[in-house]
Amino acid sequence: MDSVNVMILPVAFVFGKFGKMYPSAGGSATFVGTAFGFLYLSIIPIGPLIICFSIY
């Protein structure tokens, strides 16, 4: 078992637990939105601008 498998294993367990707690079709977007609420939605208009400016 290499180090990537060891690092991804806890993430897989957490996503499995979240999937059981919040069984909607949203996936990771639902989990992050539930955790951070309005802050998650406020990042959407800012993220693309950051990416555009970081390329140049």
Protein backbone atom coordinates (compact mmCIF):
# COMPACT_ATOMS: atom_id res chain seq x y z
CA MET A 1 0.00 0.00 0.00
CA ASP A 2 1.64 3.23 -1.09
CA SER A 3 1.35 6.60 0.62
CA VAL A 4 -1.38 7.96 -1.68
CA ASN A 5 -3.70 5.11 -0.71
CA VAL A 6 -3.00 5.73 2.96
CA MET A 7 -3.78 9.44 2.60
CA ILE A 8 -6.99 8.95 0.62
CA LEU A 9 -8.45 6.29 2.93
CA PRO A 10 -9.67 8.73 5.65
CA VAL A 11 -11.20 10.95 2.96
CA ALA A 12 -13.12 7.99 1.56
CA PHE A 13 -14.45 7.11 5.02
CA VAL A 14 -15.52 10.71 5.69
CA PHE A 15 -17.31 10.97 2.34
CA GLY A 16 -19.02 7.65 3.04
CA LYS A 17 -20.20 8.91 6.42
CA PHE A 18 -21.41 12.21 4.92
CA GLY A 19 -23.21 10.31 2.18
CA LYS A 20 -25.07 8.35 4.80
CA MET A 21 -25.93 11.48 6.81
CA TYR A 22 -26.94 13.66 3.82
CA PRO A 23 -28.27 11.36 1.07
CA SER A 24 -28.84 14.01 -1.62
CA ALA A 25 -27.54 13.97 -5.16
CA GLY A 26 -25.26 16.98 -4.64
CA GLY A 27 -22.17 15.09 -3.53
CA SER A 28 -19.24 17.14 -2.26
CA ALA A 29 -21.00 20.43 -3.11
CA THR A 30 -23.77 19.50 -0.68
CA PHE A 31 -21.31 18.61 2.07
CA VAL A 32 -19.31 21.83 1.72
CA GLY A 33 -22.45 23.94 1.39
CA THR A 34 -23.87 22.40 4.55
CA ALA A 35 -20.65 22.97 6.45
CA PHE A 36 -20.00 26.56 5.36
CA GLY A 37 -23.47 27.81 4.36
CA PHE A 38 -23.47 31.26 2.81
CA LEU A 39 -19.66 31.45 2.67
CA TYR A 40 -19.64 28.61 0.15
CA LEU A 41 -21.95 30.53 -2.19
CA SER A 42 -19.95 33.74 -1.80
CA ILE A 43 -16.80 32.07 -3.19
CA ILE A 44 -18.43 31.20 -6.53
CA PRO A 45 -18.11 34.69 -8.12
CA ILE A 46 -14.61 35.22 -6.68
CA GLY A 47 -13.01 31.90 -7.65
CA PRO A 48 -12.91 32.39 -11.45
CA LEU A 49 -11.38 35.86 -11.07
CA ILE A 50 -8.61 34.49 -8.86
CA ILE A 51 -7.86 31.77 -11.42
CA CYS A 52 -7.79 34.27 -14.30
CA PHE A 53 -5.38 36.59 -12.49
CA SER A 54 -3.14 33.78 -11.27
CA ILE A 55 -2.50 32.54 -14.81
CA TYR A 56 -0.78 35.75 -15.88
